[in-house]
Each structure stands twice: as C-alpha cells, then as structure tokens.
Amino acid sequence: MAGHSKWANIQHRKGKQDKLRAKAFTKVGREIIVAAKLGGGDPEMNPRLRLAISKAKAVNMPNDRIKKAIDTGAGNSDQTNYEEVRYEGYGPGGVAIVVDALTDNRNRTFAEVRTAFTKHGGTLGETGSVGFMFDRVGMVLYPADKASADDMFEAAVEAGAENCESDAEFHNITTSQDDLAAVRDALEGKYGEAEKAELMWNPNTMSELDEDKARSVMGLVDALEDDDDVQTVTTNMEVDDAVMEKLMGEG
C-alpha cells in the first residue's frame, strides 16, 4: 500500500496534468462521454459519471466543456464508439505495467502501445500476464491540511473506506471499487471536494529498481501517457526516495 501511495503522490507532484493539459482534457472528456452513454447524463444517478466529472474538475476542465461532453454522450450525438481495453506487460527491470485505454480503433491503439513498450525496453504481454500483481481499488486523495491524520482516518473508516494513509502532503484513502462513489460523497460532505477520486490499480507486489532502470521505466510511462487513447498507466515500481526525487527533478 505504502509503495503505491508514494508513487501516486509523486505523479501528482510532477504536475503532468499542467504539462499535458490539452491531452488531459481529451482523455477525461472521452471518459465523460463513455460514462454518460452507459449510464445517462444525470450525475446523481450515474456514479461513473460523477467520478469522471470529479476527474475533469481536478484538471481544471472548463464547465462548458464538461457539459458538452455529457450532452454528447447522453444524447448519443457522438457517432464514435469507444471501447475499454487493457494492456499488460513488463518494463525495464521486470517492472509490471498495466495500461487502461479508451479507443475507437483497437488495432491503432494496440500498435501504438506495443511500439512504446518496444522502444523503451519493455515487453507487451498477454492479458493477465501481470494483472495478478495488482488489486482494483478506489482512491480518494485529500491535501494533508484538510484534517489531522487521526480525524481523516476515522472519517474514512466511518464512510466505508478500507484504509487511510497520511503523510506530510496527502491523505490517501483506499476503498473497494464498488464503494468508491459512496466513500467520496461522504468525505466530500465533511471536508469538501477531494483532490482526486478514481479507480486505480494498487500493486500487491512491488519491484525494486535502481536509478537507471527507474529512469527507463519513467520514460516508458511518459511515452504511454502521451497517447490520447491511454487513460491510465500503473506500475509496481519502487525506488529509494532520494533517487525518485532526483528523477522528478529531471522531469
């Protein structure tokens, strides 16, 4: 748990959402469209849409763009049919990687993901090749100054969360995937809007890497995330804090 929490926080600090704002809007807009198509355009009746809207707000997506994406999906005016696809493989040093995508062309996305793995020293595997190393969970993230660690832990447990880990920067609350929306709603009722609330892959086995291998893995992750079809990339990489801070500085 701690290893993944650290990686999630590092990703947040790196500020990729600011660096790739246009791509972030494209990715989350696509997610909103799919959620609205599957469950309707009313966020109160559609937990997946609520989470997608929350993610859109986290990257400062304008309200008019959010509304347009909802209308597009709920009104079925978009003729593009997006499919959820998942790719699994190994990166440099044997680190496990899970890639989730929304695509209107499986062949294109597969080719682009495979190329990224190959160019950066990884190997794309079969479905299930590394999935057993991860658990599907919900994650709600709050800044540390929202509450004390004890208060946030108590509130999270009362809301139905499975765990809450706190450090100097964040409270990282984990839930079952089915309870994510309910836990987020309960916590937001007490502490306001969460920094993040989304489903994610939580590694149950970590892979320790040295600086060079970690740098190579981060290059692969960057290449994958640069693809508009790719929604999330998760690894089980674990490196020394000092090394990670150095790599973040290079980014």
C-alpha atoms as a PDB file:
ATOM      1  CA  MET A   1       0.000   0.000   0.000  1.00  0.00           C
ATOM      2  CA  ALA A   2       2.666   2.484   1.025  1.00  0.00           C
ATOM      3  CA  GLY A   3       4.642   1.937  -2.161  1.00  0.00           C
ATOM      4  CA  HIS A   4       1.722   2.792  -4.380  1.00  0.00           C
ATOM      5  CA  SER A   5       0.678   5.755  -2.254  1.00  0.00           C
ATOM      6  CA  LYS A   6       4.157   7.187  -2.702  1.00  0.00           C
ATOM      7  CA  TRP A   7       4.044   6.680  -6.476  1.00  0.00           C
ATOM      8  CA  ALA A   8       0.606   8.306  -6.711  1.00  0.00           C
ATOM      9  CA  ASN A   9       1.841  11.297  -4.762  1.00  0.00           C
ATOM     10  CA  ILE A  10       4.945  11.592  -6.914  1.00  0.00           C
ATOM     11  CA  GLN A  11       2.833  11.609 -10.044  1.00  0.00           C
ATOM     12  CA  HIS A  12       0.745  14.378  -8.534  1.00  0.00           C
ATOM     13  CA  ARG A  13       3.773  16.471  -7.566  1.00  0.00           C
ATOM     14  CA  LYS A  14       5.300  16.089 -11.004  1.00  0.00           C
ATOM     15  CA  GLY A  15       2.449  18.184 -12.364  1.00  0.00           C
ATOM     16  CA  LYS A  16       1.825  16.204 -15.514  1.00  0.00           C
ATOM     17  CA  GLN A  17      -1.728  17.493 -15.647  1.00  0.00           C
ATOM     18  CA  ASP A  18      -0.452  21.028 -16.108  1.00  0.00           C
ATOM     19  CA  LYS A  19       2.195  19.976 -18.592  1.00  0.00           C
ATOM     20  CA  LEU A  20      -0.250  17.996 -20.693  1.00  0.00           C
ATOM     21  CA  ARG A  21      -3.435  19.958 -20.110  1.00  0.00           C
ATOM     22  CA  ALA A  22      -4.795  19.612 -23.642  1.00  0.00           C
ATOM     23  CA  LYS A  23      -4.268  15.861 -23.538  1.00  0.00           C
ATOM     24  CA  ALA A  24      -5.821  15.686 -20.072  1.00  0.00           C
ATOM     25  CA  PHE A  25      -8.956  17.388 -21.389  1.00  0.00           C
ATOM     26  CA  THR A  26      -9.129  14.979 -24.317  1.00  0.00           C
ATOM     27  CA  LYS A  27      -8.749  11.924 -22.096  1.00  0.00           C
ATOM     28  CA  VAL A  28     -11.230  12.941 -19.419  1.00  0.00           C
ATOM     29  CA  GLY A  29     -13.690  14.268 -21.996  1.00  0.00           C
ATOM     30  CA  ARG A  30     -13.695  10.854 -23.617  1.00  0.00           C
ATOM     31  CA  GLU A  31     -14.289   9.252 -20.235  1.00  0.00           C
ATOM     32  CA  ILE A  32     -17.262  11.554 -19.567  1.00  0.00           C
ATOM     33  CA  ILE A  33     -18.781  10.715 -22.961  1.00  0.00           C
ATOM     34  CA  VAL A  34     -18.498   6.964 -22.312  1.00  0.00           C
ATOM     35  CA  ALA A  35     -19.891   7.277 -18.784  1.00  0.00           C
ATOM     36  CA  ALA A  36     -22.869   9.329 -19.991  1.00  0.00           C
ATOM     37  CA  LYS A  37     -23.555   6.892 -22.826  1.00  0.00           C
ATOM     38  CA  LEU A  38     -23.535   3.901 -20.487  1.00  0.00           C
ATOM     39  CA  GLY A  39     -25.406   5.347 -17.531  1.00  0.00           C
ATOM     40  CA  GLY A  40     -27.164   8.527 -18.638  1.00  0.00           C
ATOM     41  CA  GLY A  41     -26.374  12.200 -18.207  1.00  0.00           C
ATOM     42  CA  ASP A  42     -27.544  12.677 -14.592  1.00  0.00           C
ATOM     43  CA  PRO A  43     -24.501  12.515 -12.273  1.00  0.00           C
ATOM     44  CA  GLU A  44     -26.724  11.826  -9.270  1.00  0.00           C
ATOM     45  CA  MET A  45     -27.918   8.607 -10.891  1.00  0.00           C
ATOM     46  CA  ASN A  46     -24.631   7.696 -12.553  1.00  0.00           C
ATOM     47  CA  PRO A  47     -21.680   7.056 -10.176  1.00  0.00           C
ATOM     48  CA  ARG A  48     -19.236   6.559 -13.026  1.00  0.00           C
ATOM     49  CA  LEU A  49     -20.194   9.927 -14.488  1.00  0.00           C
ATOM     50  CA  ARG A  50     -19.774  11.586 -11.088  1.00  0.00           C
ATOM     51  CA  LEU A  51     -16.247  10.218 -10.870  1.00  0.00           C
ATOM     52  CA  ALA A  52     -15.450  11.336 -14.408  1.00  0.00           C
ATOM     53  CA  ILE A  53     -16.708  14.849 -13.675  1.00  0.00           C
ATOM     54  CA  SER A  54     -14.627  14.890 -10.488  1.00  0.00           C
ATOM     55  CA  LYS A  55     -11.567  13.947 -12.523  1.00  0.00           C
ATOM     56  CA  ALA A  56     -12.374  16.694 -15.039  1.00  0.00           C
ATOM     57  CA  LYS A  57     -12.573  19.290 -12.292  1.00  0.00           C
ATOM     58  CA  ALA A  58      -9.253  18.067 -10.880  1.00  0.00           C
ATOM     59  CA  VAL A  59      -7.561  19.056 -14.161  1.00  0.00           C
ATOM     60  CA  ASN A  60      -9.487  22.355 -14.298  1.00  0.00           C
ATOM     61  CA  MET A  61     -11.558  21.400 -17.308  1.00  0.00           C
ATOM     62  CA  PRO A  62     -13.989  24.263 -18.043  1.00  0.00           C
ATOM     63  CA  ASN A  63     -17.613  23.649 -17.082  1.00  0.00           C
ATOM     64  CA  ASP A  64     -18.837  24.254 -20.614  1.00  0.00           C
ATOM     65  CA  ARG A  65     -16.570  21.502 -21.916  1.00  0.00           C
ATOM     66  CA  ILE A  66     -17.776  19.145 -19.193  1.00  0.00           C
ATOM     67  CA  LYS A  67     -21.398  19.898 -20.092  1.00  0.00           C
ATOM     68  CA  LYS A  68     -20.704  19.449 -23.802  1.00  0.00           C
ATOM     69  CA  ALA A  69     -19.134  16.041 -23.159  1.00  0.00           C
ATOM     70  CA  ILE A  70     -22.108  14.964 -21.019  1.00  0.00           C
ATOM     71  CA  ASP A  71     -24.579  16.133 -23.669  1.00  0.00           C
ATOM     72  CA  THR A  72     -22.603  14.361 -26.359  1.00  0.00           C
ATOM     73  CA  GLY A  73     -22.669  11.057 -24.504  1.00  0.00           C
ATOM     74  CA  ALA A  74     -26.188  11.234 -23.097  1.00  0.00           C
ATOM     75  CA  GLY A  75     -27.655  12.463 -26.374  1.00  0.00           C
ATOM     76  CA  ASN A  76     -25.780   9.863 -28.398  1.00  0.00           C
ATOM     77  CA  SER A  77     -24.826  12.610 -30.831  1.00  0.00           C
ATOM     78  CA  ASP A  78     -21.286  11.292 -30.956  1.00  0.00           C
ATOM     79  CA  GLN A  79     -21.085   8.536 -33.539  1.00  0.00           C
ATOM     80  CA  THR A  80     -17.712   7.379 -32.211  1.00  0.00           C
ATOM     81  CA  ASN A  81     -17.885   4.138 -30.274  1.00  0.00           C
ATOM     82  CA  TYR A  82     -15.199   3.932 -27.635  1.00  0.00           C
ATOM     83  CA  GLU A  83     -14.148   0.593 -26.178  1.00  0.00           C
ATOM     84  CA  GLU A  84     -12.380  -0.025 -22.900  1.00  0.00           C
ATOM     85  CA  VAL A  85      -9.191  -2.013 -23.465  1.00  0.00           C
ATOM     86  CA  ARG A  86      -6.420  -3.051 -21.108  1.00  0.00           C
ATOM     87  CA  TYR A  87      -2.838  -3.961 -21.879  1.00  0.00           C
ATOM     88  CA  GLU A  88      -0.360  -5.637 -19.583  1.00  0.00           C
ATOM     89  CA  GLY A  89       3.358  -6.066 -19.848  1.00  0.00           C
ATOM     90  CA  TYR A  90       6.809  -5.714 -18.356  1.00  0.00           C
ATOM     91  CA  GLY A  91       9.054  -2.689 -18.394  1.00  0.00           C
ATOM     92  CA  PRO A  92      12.799  -2.372 -17.827  1.00  0.00           C
ATOM     93  CA  GLY A  93      13.971  -4.308 -14.792  1.00  0.00           C
ATOM     94  CA  GLY A  94      10.934  -6.576 -14.951  1.00  0.00           C
ATOM     95  CA  VAL A  95       8.554  -3.961 -13.512  1.00  0.00           C
ATOM     96  CA  ALA A  96       4.880  -4.810 -14.093  1.00  0.00           C
ATOM     97  CA  ILE A  97       2.776  -2.309 -16.049  1.00  0.00           C
ATOM     98  CA  VAL A  98      -0.997  -2.069 -16.596  1.00  0.00           C
ATOM     99  CA  VAL A  99      -2.323   0.279 -19.283  1.00  0.00           C
ATOM    100  CA  ASP A 100      -6.015   1.206 -19.471  1.00  0.00           C
ATOM    101  CA  ALA A 101      -7.319   2.869 -22.632  1.00  0.00           C
ATOM    102  CA  LEU A 102     -10.499   4.077 -24.304  1.00  0.00           C
ATOM    103  CA  THR A 103     -10.267   3.660 -28.047  1.00  0.00           C
ATOM    104  CA  ASP A 104     -12.309   3.798 -31.226  1.00  0.00           C
ATOM    105  CA  ASN A 105      -9.697   1.706 -33.049  1.00  0.00           C
ATOM    106  CA  ARG A 106      -8.259  -1.324 -31.247  1.00  0.00           C
ATOM    107  CA  ASN A 107      -5.671  -2.022 -33.936  1.00  0.00           C
ATOM    108  CA  ARG A 108      -4.272   1.518 -33.790  1.00  0.00           C
ATOM    109  CA  THR A 109      -4.075   1.596 -30.016  1.00  0.00           C
ATOM    110  CA  PHE A 110      -2.516  -1.858 -29.766  1.00  0.00           C
ATOM    111  CA  ALA A 111       0.139  -0.910 -32.308  1.00  0.00           C
ATOM    112  CA  GLU A 112       0.972   2.343 -30.510  1.00  0.00           C
ATOM    113  CA  VAL A 113       1.157   0.718 -27.086  1.00  0.00           C
ATOM    114  CA  ARG A 114       3.311  -2.134 -28.391  1.00  0.00           C
ATOM    115  CA  THR A 115       5.652   0.362 -30.083  1.00  0.00           C
ATOM    116  CA  ALA A 116       6.057   2.324 -26.844  1.00  0.00           C
ATOM    117  CA  PHE A 117       6.925  -0.845 -24.912  1.00  0.00           C
ATOM    118  CA  THR A 118       9.427  -1.951 -27.556  1.00  0.00           C
ATOM    119  CA  LYS A 119      11.155   1.427 -27.909  1.00  0.00           C
ATOM    120  CA  HIS A 120      11.627   1.773 -24.166  1.00  0.00           C
ATOM    121  CA  GLY A 121      12.927  -1.670 -23.329  1.00  0.00           C
ATOM    122  CA  GLY A 122       9.655  -3.290 -22.306  1.00  0.00           C
ATOM    123  CA  THR A 123       7.635  -6.271 -23.443  1.00  0.00           C
ATOM    124  CA  LEU A 124       3.891  -6.236 -24.063  1.00  0.00           C
ATOM    125  CA  GLY A 125       2.350  -9.409 -22.641  1.00  0.00           C
ATOM    126  CA  GLU A 126      -0.944 -11.243 -22.767  1.00  0.00           C
ATOM    127  CA  THR A 127      -3.996 -10.191 -20.770  1.00  0.00           C
ATOM    128  CA  GLY A 128      -3.492 -11.471 -17.242  1.00  0.00           C
ATOM    129  CA  SER A 129       0.290 -11.641 -17.509  1.00  0.00           C
ATOM    130  CA  VAL A 130       0.788  -9.092 -14.711  1.00  0.00           C
ATOM    131  CA  GLY A 131      -2.771  -8.341 -13.588  1.00  0.00           C
ATOM    132  CA  PHE A 132      -2.463 -10.713 -10.634  1.00  0.00           C
ATOM    133  CA  MET A 133       0.133  -8.337  -9.156  1.00  0.00           C
ATOM    134  CA  PHE A 134      -2.484  -5.592  -8.748  1.00  0.00           C
ATOM    135  CA  ASP A 135      -5.791  -5.128  -6.947  1.00  0.00           C
ATOM    136  CA  ARG A 136      -8.568  -2.930  -8.380  1.00  0.00           C
ATOM    137  CA  VAL A 137      -9.457  -0.354  -5.723  1.00  0.00           C
ATOM    138  CA  GLY A 138     -10.877   3.120  -5.301  1.00  0.00           C
ATOM    139  CA  MET A 139      -8.656   6.007  -4.228  1.00  0.00           C
ATOM    140  CA  VAL A 140      -9.669   9.341  -2.701  1.00  0.00           C
ATOM    141  CA  LEU A 141      -6.926  11.918  -2.183  1.00  0.00           C
ATOM    142  CA  TYR A 142      -7.046  14.952   0.145  1.00  0.00           C
ATOM    143  CA  PRO A 143      -4.347  17.507   0.995  1.00  0.00           C
ATOM    144  CA  ALA A 144      -2.843  16.894   4.417  1.00  0.00           C
ATOM    145  CA  ASP A 145      -4.045  20.249   5.746  1.00  0.00           C
ATOM    146  CA  LYS A 146      -7.718  19.251   5.361  1.00  0.00           C
ATOM    147  CA  ALA A 147      -7.681  17.330   8.637  1.00  0.00           C
ATOM    148  CA  SER A 148      -5.400  15.570  11.076  1.00  0.00           C
ATOM    149  CA  ALA A 149      -4.342  12.036  10.203  1.00  0.00           C
ATOM    150  CA  ASP A 150      -6.475  10.627  13.027  1.00  0.00           C
ATOM    151  CA  ASP A 151      -9.577  12.608  12.065  1.00  0.00           C
ATOM    152  CA  MET A 152      -9.289  11.682   8.393  1.00  0.00           C
ATOM    153  CA  PHE A 153      -8.734   8.025   9.235  1.00  0.00           C
ATOM    154  CA  GLU A 154     -11.803   7.982  11.484  1.00  0.00           C
ATOM    155  CA  ALA A 155     -13.957   9.749   8.880  1.00  0.00           C
ATOM    156  CA  ALA A 156     -12.744   7.430   6.123  1.00  0.00           C
ATOM    157  CA  VAL A 157     -13.496   4.278   8.082  1.00  0.00           C
ATOM    158  CA  GLU A 158     -16.937   5.573   9.058  1.00  0.00           C
ATOM    159  CA  ALA A 159     -17.608   6.284   5.379  1.00  0.00           C
ATOM    160  CA  GLY A 160     -16.787   2.680   4.489  1.00  0.00           C
ATOM    161  CA  ALA A 161     -13.181   3.003   3.326  1.00  0.00           C
ATOM    162  CA  GLU A 162     -10.750   0.120   3.682  1.00  0.00           C
ATOM    163  CA  ASN A 163      -7.755   2.199   4.733  1.00  0.00           C
ATOM    164  CA  CYS A 164      -6.362   5.710   5.059  1.00  0.00           C
ATOM    165  CA  GLU A 165      -2.654   6.522   4.913  1.00  0.00           C
ATOM    166  CA  SER A 166      -1.395  10.017   5.650  1.00  0.00           C
ATOM    167  CA  ASP A 167       1.932  11.778   5.186  1.00  0.00           C
ATOM    168  CA  ALA A 168       3.106  15.376   5.210  1.00  0.00           C
ATOM    169  CA  GLU A 169       1.353  16.146   1.926  1.00  0.00           C
ATOM    170  CA  PHE A 170      -1.686  13.917   1.444  1.00  0.00           C
ATOM    171  CA  HIS A 171      -4.346  11.708   2.975  1.00  0.00           C
ATOM    172  CA  ASN A 172      -4.663   8.692   0.666  1.00  0.00           C
ATOM    173  CA  ILE A 173      -7.927   6.821   1.278  1.00  0.00           C
ATOM    174  CA  THR A 174      -8.493   3.441  -0.363  1.00  0.00           C
ATOM    175  CA  THR A 175     -11.846   1.725  -0.869  1.00  0.00           C
ATOM    176  CA  SER A 176     -13.287  -1.275  -2.636  1.00  0.00           C
ATOM    177  CA  GLN A 177     -14.099  -0.426  -6.222  1.00  0.00           C
ATOM    178  CA  ASP A 178     -17.828  -0.708  -5.511  1.00  0.00           C
ATOM    179  CA  ASP A 179     -17.687   1.683  -2.546  1.00  0.00           C
ATOM    180  CA  LEU A 180     -15.629   4.467  -4.126  1.00  0.00           C
ATOM    181  CA  ALA A 181     -18.516   6.786  -5.015  1.00  0.00           C
ATOM    182  CA  ALA A 182     -20.212   6.399  -1.613  1.00  0.00           C
ATOM    183  CA  VAL A 183     -16.983   6.995   0.328  1.00  0.00           C
ATOM    184  CA  ARG A 184     -16.085  10.004  -1.782  1.00  0.00           C
ATOM    185  CA  ASP A 185     -19.548  11.525  -1.348  1.00  0.00           C
ATOM    186  CA  ALA A 186     -19.426  11.030   2.424  1.00  0.00           C
ATOM    187  CA  LEU A 187     -15.973  12.577   2.761  1.00  0.00           C
ATOM    188  CA  GLU A 188     -16.807  15.485   0.471  1.00  0.00           C
ATOM    189  CA  GLY A 189     -19.839  16.179   2.638  1.00  0.00           C
ATOM    190  CA  LYS A 190     -17.449  16.671   5.552  1.00  0.00           C
ATOM    191  CA  TYR A 191     -14.234  18.003   4.012  1.00  0.00           C
ATOM    192  CA  GLY A 192     -15.255  19.456   0.669  1.00  0.00           C
ATOM    193  CA  GLU A 193     -14.175  18.404  -2.801  1.00  0.00           C
ATOM    194  CA  ALA A 194     -11.455  15.761  -2.947  1.00  0.00           C
ATOM    195  CA  GLU A 195      -8.196  16.373  -4.766  1.00  0.00           C
ATOM    196  CA  LYS A 196      -8.741  13.102  -6.641  1.00  0.00           C
ATOM    197  CA  ALA A 197     -11.305  10.313  -6.605  1.00  0.00           C
ATOM    198  CA  GLU A 198     -10.860   7.466  -9.048  1.00  0.00           C
ATOM    199  CA  LEU A 199     -10.481   3.756  -9.596  1.00  0.00           C
ATOM    200  CA  MET A 200      -6.909   2.559  -9.828  1.00  0.00           C
ATOM    201  CA  TRP A 201      -4.676  -0.482  -9.776  1.00  0.00           C
ATOM    202  CA  ASN A 202      -2.920  -0.974  -6.450  1.00  0.00           C
ATOM    203  CA  PRO A 203       0.162  -3.217  -6.661  1.00  0.00           C
ATOM    204  CA  ASN A 204       0.264  -6.048  -4.155  1.00  0.00           C
ATOM    205  CA  THR A 205       3.854  -6.915  -5.069  1.00  0.00           C
ATOM    206  CA  MET A 206       6.492  -4.224  -5.535  1.00  0.00           C
ATOM    207  CA  SER A 207       9.512  -4.337  -7.850  1.00  0.00           C
ATOM    208  CA  GLU A 208      12.604  -2.548  -6.546  1.00  0.00           C
ATOM    209  CA  LEU A 209      14.632  -0.731  -9.211  1.00  0.00           C
ATOM    210  CA  ASP A 210      17.915   1.160  -9.300  1.00  0.00           C
ATOM    211  CA  GLU A 211      18.192   4.677 -10.698  1.00  0.00           C
ATOM    212  CA  ASP A 212      18.933   3.718 -14.299  1.00  0.00           C
ATOM    213  CA  LYS A 213      16.108   1.186 -14.547  1.00  0.00           C
ATOM    214  CA  ALA A 214      13.688   3.595 -12.848  1.00  0.00           C
ATOM    215  CA  ARG A 215      14.607   6.314 -15.349  1.00  0.00           C
ATOM    216  CA  SER A 216      13.905   3.917 -18.212  1.00  0.00           C
ATOM    217  CA  VAL A 217      10.535   2.915 -16.738  1.00  0.00           C
ATOM    218  CA  MET A 218       9.520   6.542 -16.349  1.00  0.00           C
ATOM    219  CA  GLY A 219      10.426   7.122 -19.993  1.00  0.00           C
ATOM    220  CA  LEU A 220       8.114   4.274 -20.971  1.00  0.00           C
ATOM    221  CA  VAL A 221       5.322   5.595 -18.754  1.00  0.00           C
ATOM    222  CA  ASP A 222       5.676   9.067 -20.286  1.00  0.00           C
ATOM    223  CA  ALA A 223       5.518   7.613 -23.807  1.00  0.00           C
ATOM    224  CA  LEU A 224       2.379   5.631 -22.985  1.00  0.00           C
ATOM    225  CA  GLU A 225       0.658   8.559 -21.288  1.00  0.00           C
ATOM    226  CA  ASP A 226       1.395  10.724 -24.317  1.00  0.00           C
ATOM    227  CA  ASP A 227      -1.087   8.615 -26.306  1.00  0.00           C
ATOM    228  CA  ASP A 228      -4.571  10.179 -26.346  1.00  0.00           C
ATOM    229  CA  ASP A 229      -6.174   6.720 -26.176  1.00  0.00           C
ATOM    230  CA  VAL A 230      -4.388   5.828 -22.941  1.00  0.00           C
ATOM    231  CA  GLN A 231      -6.272   6.786 -19.797  1.00  0.00           C
ATOM    232  CA  THR A 232      -4.006   5.482 -17.038  1.00  0.00           C
ATOM    233  CA  VAL A 233      -0.659   3.742 -16.660  1.00  0.00           C
ATOM    234  CA  THR A 234       0.165   1.925 -13.425  1.00  0.00           C
ATOM    235  CA  THR A 235       3.409   0.245 -12.404  1.00  0.00           C
ATOM    236  CA  ASN A 236       4.644  -1.654  -9.364  1.00  0.00           C
ATOM    237  CA  MET A 237       7.954   0.228  -9.423  1.00  0.00           C
ATOM    238  CA  GLU A 238       9.575   1.030  -6.102  1.00  0.00           C
ATOM    239  CA  VAL A 239      12.747   3.079  -5.726  1.00  0.00           C
ATOM    240  CA  ASP A 240      14.599   4.892  -2.988  1.00  0.00           C
ATOM    241  CA  ASP A 241      13.047   8.252  -2.074  1.00  0.00           C
ATOM    242  CA  ALA A 242      16.219  10.199  -2.827  1.00  0.00           C
ATOM    243  CA  VAL A 243      16.514   8.589  -6.255  1.00  0.00           C
ATOM    244  CA  MET A 244      12.877   9.305  -7.071  1.00  0.00           C
ATOM    245  CA  GLU A 245      13.228  12.953  -6.072  1.00  0.00           C
ATOM    246  CA  LYS A 246      16.263  13.212  -8.350  1.00  0.00           C
ATOM    247  CA  LEU A 247      14.332  11.702 -11.249  1.00  0.00           C
ATOM    248  CA  MET A 248      11.425  14.036 -10.609  1.00  0.00           C
ATOM    249  CA  GLY A 249      13.829  16.946 -10.851  1.00  0.00           C
ATOM    250  CA  GLU A 250      14.958  15.692 -14.239  1.00  0.00           C
ATOM    251  CA  GLY A 251      11.305  15.608 -15.361  1.00  0.00           C
END
